[in-house]
Protein backbone atom coordinates (compact mmCIF):
# COMPACT_ATOMS: atom_id res chain seq x y z
CA MET A 1 158.37 96.03 32.11
CA ASN A 2 159.45 94.71 28.72
CA LYS A 3 157.52 92.16 26.67
CA THR A 4 160.08 89.44 27.24
CA LEU A 5 159.64 89.63 31.00
CA LEU A 6 155.85 89.67 30.71
CA VAL A 7 155.91 86.59 28.51
CA GLY A 8 158.23 84.91 30.98
CA ILE A 9 155.88 85.61 33.86
CA LEU A 10 152.90 84.29 31.90
CA ALA A 11 154.72 81.14 30.87
CA ALA A 12 155.96 80.49 34.38
CA ALA A 13 152.51 80.90 35.89
CA LEU A 14 150.88 78.58 33.37
CA ALA A 15 153.60 76.01 33.85
CA GLY A 16 153.11 76.06 37.60
CA THR A 17 156.49 77.60 38.29
CA SER A 18 156.51 79.49 41.56
CA LEU A 19 157.68 83.08 41.32
CA VAL A 20 156.74 84.78 44.58
CA ASN A 21 156.28 83.42 48.09
CA ALA A 22 156.42 79.79 46.99
CA ALA A 23 155.60 78.54 50.48
CA GLY A 24 151.87 79.08 50.07
CA PRO A 25 149.63 76.27 51.39
CA ALA A 26 148.19 73.66 49.07
CA VAL A 27 144.63 74.08 47.86
CA ASP A 28 142.02 72.05 49.76
CA GLN A 29 140.59 70.41 46.65
CA GLN A 30 137.60 68.88 48.40
CA LYS A 31 136.56 72.22 49.88
CA PHE A 32 137.19 73.89 46.52
CA GLU A 33 134.83 71.49 44.75
CA GLU A 34 132.20 71.95 47.45
CA ASN A 35 132.36 75.72 47.09
CA LYS A 36 131.96 75.47 43.31
CA GLN A 37 128.43 74.17 43.91
CA LYS A 38 127.44 77.21 45.98
CA LYS A 39 126.05 80.65 45.30
CA GLU A 40 127.42 82.57 48.24
CA TRP A 41 128.00 86.31 48.49
CA MET A 42 129.95 86.36 51.74
CA SER A 43 131.56 83.08 52.79
CA GLN A 44 132.69 82.72 56.38
CA GLY A 45 135.98 81.70 57.92
CA GLY A 46 138.16 81.78 54.81
CA GLU A 47 141.11 83.79 53.54
CA ARG A 48 139.00 86.93 53.13
CA GLU A 49 138.52 87.23 56.88
CA GLU A 50 142.13 86.38 57.65
CA ALA A 51 143.67 88.71 55.04
CA LEU A 52 141.78 91.69 56.42
CA THR A 53 143.44 91.18 59.83
CA LEU A 54 146.97 91.10 58.43
CA LYS A 55 149.24 94.11 58.20
CA PRO A 56 149.97 94.56 54.49
CA ASN A 57 153.51 94.73 53.19
CA LYS A 58 153.30 96.96 50.13
CA ASP A 59 156.82 96.11 48.97
CA ASN A 60 155.95 92.44 48.83
CA GLY A 61 152.66 93.44 47.22
CA ARG A 62 154.63 94.95 44.35
CA GLU A 63 156.55 91.69 43.93
CA VAL A 64 153.33 89.67 43.94
CA TYR A 65 151.72 92.07 41.48
CA GLU A 66 154.43 91.29 38.95
CA VAL A 67 152.51 88.06 38.26
CA CYS A 68 149.23 90.00 37.89
CA SER A 69 150.81 92.54 35.55
CA ALA A 70 151.04 90.00 32.74
CA CYS A 71 147.31 90.49 32.14
CA HIS A 72 146.31 93.62 34.04
CA LEU A 73 149.42 95.53 32.87
CA PRO A 74 152.03 97.14 35.12
CA GLU A 75 149.77 100.16 35.64
CA GLY A 76 146.80 98.01 36.66
CA TRP A 77 144.70 99.47 33.86
CA GLY A 78 143.64 96.23 32.17
CA LEU A 79 142.49 96.49 28.55
CA VAL A 80 140.04 98.99 27.10
CA ASP A 81 138.25 96.18 25.25
CA GLY A 82 137.33 94.70 28.63
CA THR A 83 139.29 91.47 28.28
CA PHE A 84 140.91 92.29 31.61
CA PRO A 85 139.46 94.82 34.07
CA GLN A 86 141.11 97.86 35.51
CA LEU A 87 142.30 96.96 39.00
CA ALA A 88 144.09 100.20 39.84
CA GLY A 89 142.42 102.14 42.64
CA GLN A 90 140.02 99.36 43.60
CA HIS A 91 139.16 99.09 47.29
CA ARG A 92 141.56 96.77 49.10
CA SER A 93 138.69 94.88 50.71
CA VAL A 94 137.11 94.21 47.32
CA VAL A 95 140.35 92.86 45.84
CA ILE A 96 140.84 90.66 48.90
CA LYS A 97 137.32 89.24 48.60
CA GLN A 98 137.59 88.50 44.89
CA LEU A 99 141.03 86.90 45.17
CA ALA A 100 139.92 84.76 48.10
CA ASP A 101 136.72 83.75 46.29
CA ILE A 102 138.62 82.73 43.17
CA ARG A 103 141.12 80.72 45.20
CA ASP A 104 138.52 78.83 47.26
CA GLY A 105 136.04 78.14 44.46
CA HIS A 106 133.33 80.69 45.20
CA ARG A 107 133.99 82.57 41.95
CA ASP A 108 134.69 80.95 38.59
CA ASN A 109 137.61 82.53 36.77
CA PRO A 110 139.57 79.83 34.92
CA THR A 111 141.84 82.40 33.26
CA MET A 112 142.97 83.95 36.52
CA TYR A 113 142.86 80.91 38.78
CA PRO A 114 146.32 79.50 37.84
CA PHE A 115 147.88 82.89 38.60
CA ALA A 116 146.11 83.25 41.95
CA LEU A 117 147.11 79.88 43.39
CA PRO A 118 149.06 79.91 46.67
CA SER A 119 151.84 78.02 44.88
CA GLU A 120 152.20 80.99 42.50
CA ILE A 121 151.79 84.09 44.64
CA GLY A 122 151.94 82.80 48.22
CA GLY A 123 149.53 82.41 51.10
CA THR A 124 147.02 84.73 52.72
CA GLN A 125 149.67 87.34 53.47
CA ALA A 126 150.25 87.68 49.73
CA ILE A 127 146.57 88.49 49.23
CA ALA A 128 146.78 91.18 51.89
CA ASP A 129 149.96 92.59 50.34
CA VAL A 130 148.99 92.67 46.67
CA SER A 131 145.56 94.11 47.48
CA GLU A 132 147.23 97.01 49.27
CA TYR A 133 149.52 97.62 46.30
CA ILE A 134 146.67 97.54 43.78
CA ALA A 135 144.58 99.96 45.83
CA THR A 136 147.35 102.57 45.65
CA LEU A 137 147.86 102.44 41.87
CA LYS A 138 146.60 105.50 40.00
CA MET A 139 143.71 104.87 37.63
CA ASN A 140 143.50 105.02 33.86
CA PRO A 141 142.46 108.49 32.65
CA GLU A 142 141.00 107.00 29.45
CA ASN A 143 138.99 103.91 30.28
CA GLY A 144 136.76 102.27 27.70
CA VAL A 145 133.25 103.73 27.42
CA GLY A 146 130.06 102.84 25.53
CA LYS A 147 128.43 104.50 22.54
CA GLY A 148 126.89 107.36 24.52
CA ASP A 149 123.56 107.07 22.71
CA ASP A 150 121.20 106.46 25.65
CA LEU A 151 122.78 108.21 28.62
CA GLN A 152 119.58 109.81 29.86
CA LEU A 153 118.02 106.39 30.38
CA GLY A 154 121.27 105.16 31.90
CA ALA A 155 121.35 108.02 34.39
CA LYS A 156 117.78 107.33 35.50
CA LEU A 157 118.37 103.60 35.89
CA TYR A 158 121.52 104.25 37.86
CA ALA A 159 119.80 106.72 40.18
CA ASP A 160 116.87 104.37 40.75
CA ASN A 161 118.79 101.13 41.18
CA CYS A 162 122.52 101.54 41.81
CA VAL A 163 123.16 104.62 43.93
CA ARG A 164 122.29 103.00 47.26
CA CYS A 165 125.26 100.62 47.05
CA HIS A 166 127.70 102.12 44.57
CA GLY A 167 127.11 105.78 45.44
CA PRO A 168 126.22 108.70 43.16
CA ASP A 169 129.69 108.75 41.61
CA GLY A 170 130.32 104.98 41.48
CA ALA A 171 132.90 104.99 44.28
CA GLY A 172 131.38 101.95 45.99
CA ASN A 173 131.84 101.17 49.68
CA ALA A 174 134.98 99.47 50.95
CA ASP A 175 133.44 98.48 54.29
CA LYS A 176 130.60 96.62 52.56
CA TYR A 177 132.74 95.16 49.73
CA TYR A 178 130.87 97.17 47.10
CA PRO A 179 133.39 97.77 44.31
CA ARG A 180 134.50 101.03 42.82
CA ILE A 181 132.88 100.95 39.36
CA GLN A 182 133.77 104.48 38.28
CA GLY A 183 136.45 104.43 35.59
CA GLN A 184 135.92 100.75 34.79
CA HIS A 185 135.96 99.59 31.19
CA TYR A 186 132.51 99.46 29.60
CA GLU A 187 132.93 96.07 27.95
CA TYR A 188 134.09 94.48 31.19
CA LEU A 189 131.12 95.99 33.03
CA VAL A 190 128.73 94.55 30.44
CA ARG A 191 130.20 91.05 30.67
CA GLN A 192 130.20 90.91 34.45
CA TYR A 193 126.75 92.46 34.72
CA ARG A 194 125.27 89.79 32.45
CA TRP A 195 127.02 87.04 34.38
CA ILE A 196 125.61 88.43 37.62
CA ARG A 197 122.09 88.59 36.20
CA GLU A 198 122.35 85.06 34.78
CA GLY A 199 123.78 83.58 37.99
CA LYS A 200 127.15 82.74 36.47
CA ARG A 201 128.94 85.07 38.89
CA ARG A 202 128.22 82.91 41.93
CA ASN A 203 129.72 85.23 44.55
CA SER A 204 127.47 88.15 43.59
CA ASN A 205 125.48 90.14 46.11
CA PRO A 206 121.95 88.64 46.00
CA GLU A 207 120.48 92.10 46.50
CA MET A 208 122.02 93.19 43.19
CA VAL A 209 120.83 90.05 41.43
CA GLU A 210 117.29 90.82 42.56
CA GLN A 211 117.62 94.50 41.67
CA ILE A 212 118.58 93.93 38.04
CA LYS A 213 116.71 90.73 37.22
CA ASN A 214 114.12 92.51 35.05
CA PHE A 215 116.53 94.76 33.18
CA THR A 216 116.29 94.49 29.40
CA ASP A 217 119.39 94.44 27.20
CA LYS A 218 118.66 98.07 26.38
CA ASP A 219 118.57 98.91 30.08
CA THR A 220 121.80 97.04 30.69
CA LEU A 221 123.76 98.79 27.95
CA ALA A 222 122.37 102.20 28.86
CA VAL A 223 123.16 102.04 32.56
CA LEU A 224 126.64 100.61 32.04
CA ASP A 225 127.45 103.18 29.39
CA TYR A 226 126.53 105.79 31.99
CA VAL A 227 128.62 104.02 34.67
CA SER A 228 131.67 103.85 32.39
CA ARG A 229 131.60 107.65 32.20
CA LEU A 230 131.58 108.23 35.96
CA LYS A 231 134.90 109.83 36.82
CA PRO A 232 137.06 109.03 39.85
CA PRO A 233 138.40 111.92 41.93
CA ALA A 234 141.32 113.64 40.24
CA ASP A 235 143.78 112.53 42.93
CA LEU A 236 143.10 108.87 42.07
CA VAL A 237 143.79 109.29 38.35
CA ALA A 238 147.16 109.11 36.60
CA PRO A 239 148.18 111.54 33.88
CA LYS A 240 147.76 110.37 30.30
CA GLY A 241 150.59 108.13 29.19
CA TRP A 242 151.73 107.36 32.75
CA LYS A 243 153.96 104.32 33.13
CA ASN A 244 154.40 102.51 36.42
CA PRO A 245 157.96 103.25 37.55
CA ASP A 246 158.00 100.05 39.62
CA PHE A 247 158.20 98.00 36.43
CA LYS A 248 160.67 99.78 34.20
């Protein structure tokens, strides 16, 4: 995708111009404001539950993802500096949950919210579709990592605190909505981790909040440096320099 098209997508989304599946339902503003007052890991009865029951249309998912690509890049790799996370290869269930939570007010993300609105990408079917597309994208072979100066401590903290949910290799658990953290950019991990610990990430798993509440800054940087170096399976990773052929 060329820069002109990316800029056009960004401008259209910010201006409220509908690009894909314009028939999405209007946001329930009252419910949205109510949800913004909550700290809730797993809300009930919303788009998350519905999207998981829908048969995904990957072709439409590609069309929807064109809006997402303005920030997350056509390959889904985000930015190494952590401004935008890598989405490629993430579990479909995790993407569905996060999109639904942003749309209904359970997760604060003012940068992404205008792009995720039903008026921009469509209704619940669009969530099901784009999540399927994202999950199939090959991951960045060169994600951002930390300084590498305290990896022994990081490995111990990870083994003692993180393995039960995220697994020994950081693959997460799709059935339990635990994200794949292997291959994620270090700076993004640090920012989200701090927001989870501080309560700013309101849709966080309370078990994780409790688990990390006493971590020092040194602990945080060490364990996330270690996490950033966990490698996905080779079949999930793109070759260096790969460009998404869907967006030539």
